[in-house]
Amino acid sequence: MPALARRDETASARETINLRASAEQKALIDRAAARLGKSRTEFMLDSARDAAINTLLDERLFLLDDARYDAFVACLDAPVEPSEALRKVLTDASPWER
């Protein structure tokens, strides 16, 4: 099977996510979904995706006051003492080159 066909199958493949919710939770979700003109599934997946993105961004985005920012930049600008681990990372072939 050509690689393009496999990618198309993978891109269109759907997974099932099973959830249990109380009647009150389901009703609340249904009301919110209806307000946005979405199905329950669309609403839940969009909401879960947004929460997942925000959770992961919380690990990447951080705010610093001026003094801490200056200290952070100084650490980034400071010369690195080469270690064996650093030498290995810099000399080994990248995974896509192997």
Protein backbone atom coordinates (compact mmCIF):
# COMPACT_ATOMS: atom_id res chain seq x y z
CA MET A 1 0.00 0.00 0.00
CA PRO A 2 1.44 3.43 -0.90
CA ALA A 3 2.56 5.65 1.98
CA LEU A 4 0.09 8.36 0.95
CA ALA A 5 -2.84 5.95 1.21
CA ARG A 6 -1.70 4.83 4.67
CA ARG A 7 -1.46 8.44 5.82
CA ASP A 8 -4.97 9.16 4.51
CA GLU A 9 -6.35 6.18 6.42
CA THR A 10 -4.56 7.28 9.58
CA ALA A 11 -5.74 10.87 9.24
CA SER A 12 -9.36 9.81 8.88
CA ALA A 13 -9.26 7.09 11.54
CA ARG A 14 -11.43 7.78 14.56
CA GLU A 15 -10.90 6.61 18.11
CA THR A 16 -13.57 6.08 20.71
CA ILE A 17 -13.44 7.84 24.06
CA ASN A 18 -15.88 6.53 26.65
CA LEU A 19 -17.01 8.75 29.49
CA ARG A 20 -19.39 8.36 32.38
CA ALA A 21 -21.23 11.44 33.56
CA SER A 22 -24.05 12.21 35.93
CA ALA A 23 -27.39 13.29 34.50
CA GLU A 24 -26.68 16.82 35.72
CA GLN A 25 -23.28 16.95 34.02
CA LYS A 26 -24.73 15.62 30.78
CA ALA A 27 -27.58 18.14 30.85
CA LEU A 28 -25.17 21.02 31.50
CA ILE A 29 -22.89 19.91 28.66
CA ASP A 30 -25.86 19.50 26.32
CA ARG A 31 -27.16 23.00 27.15
CA ALA A 32 -23.75 24.56 26.55
CA ALA A 33 -23.27 22.62 23.30
CA ALA A 34 -26.70 23.67 22.06
CA ARG A 35 -25.95 27.30 22.90
CA LEU A 36 -22.90 27.11 20.61
CA GLY A 37 -24.72 25.15 17.92
CA LYS A 38 -22.51 22.11 18.43
CA SER A 39 -23.17 18.47 19.07
CA ARG A 40 -22.26 17.08 22.47
CA THR A 41 -19.28 15.32 20.91
CA GLU A 42 -18.03 18.46 19.15
CA PHE A 43 -18.42 20.50 22.33
CA MET A 44 -16.66 17.96 24.53
CA LEU A 45 -13.79 17.38 22.10
CA ASP A 46 -13.28 21.11 21.52
CA SER A 47 -13.35 21.76 25.27
CA ALA A 48 -10.98 18.89 26.03
CA ARG A 49 -8.62 19.98 23.24
CA ASP A 50 -8.57 23.57 24.54
CA ALA A 51 -7.85 22.32 28.07
CA ALA A 52 -5.07 20.04 26.78
CA ILE A 53 -3.44 22.86 24.82
CA ASN A 54 -3.60 25.20 27.82
CA THR A 55 -2.16 22.52 30.09
CA LEU A 56 0.78 21.97 27.74
CA LEU A 57 1.29 25.70 27.20
CA ASP A 58 1.51 26.13 30.96
CA GLU A 59 4.70 24.10 30.75
CA ARG A 60 6.15 26.34 28.01
CA LEU A 61 4.96 29.82 28.83
CA PHE A 62 6.11 31.52 31.96
CA LEU A 63 6.09 35.15 32.93
CA LEU A 64 8.93 36.80 34.80
CA ASP A 65 9.44 40.19 36.35
CA ASP A 66 12.36 42.25 35.01
CA ALA A 67 14.91 41.03 37.56
CA ARG A 68 14.09 37.35 37.06
CA TYR A 69 14.02 37.79 33.29
CA ASP A 70 17.50 39.35 33.37
CA ALA A 71 18.76 36.47 35.53
CA PHE A 72 17.17 33.96 33.14
CA VAL A 73 18.77 35.59 30.09
CA ALA A 74 22.12 35.68 31.88
CA CYS A 75 21.88 31.91 32.44
CA LEU A 76 21.08 31.38 28.78
CA ASP A 77 23.97 33.58 27.69
CA ALA A 78 26.51 32.03 30.07
CA PRO A 79 29.02 29.69 28.46
CA VAL A 80 28.30 26.02 28.91
CA GLU A 81 30.90 23.76 30.41
CA PRO A 82 31.06 20.82 28.00
CA SER A 83 30.13 17.52 29.59
CA GLU A 84 30.24 14.04 28.16
CA ALA A 85 26.44 14.08 27.80
CA LEU A 86 26.57 17.37 25.85
CA ARG A 87 29.35 16.06 23.60
CA LYS A 88 27.27 12.94 22.89
CA VAL A 89 24.16 14.96 22.00
CA LEU A 90 26.13 17.22 19.69
CA THR A 91 28.01 14.42 17.90
CA ASP A 92 25.39 11.66 17.60
CA ALA A 93 23.33 11.47 14.43
CA SER A 94 19.79 12.82 14.65
CA PRO A 95 17.01 10.20 14.69
CA TRP A 96 15.97 11.18 11.16
CA GLU A 97 19.56 10.72 9.96
CA ARG A 98 19.86 7.15 11.26
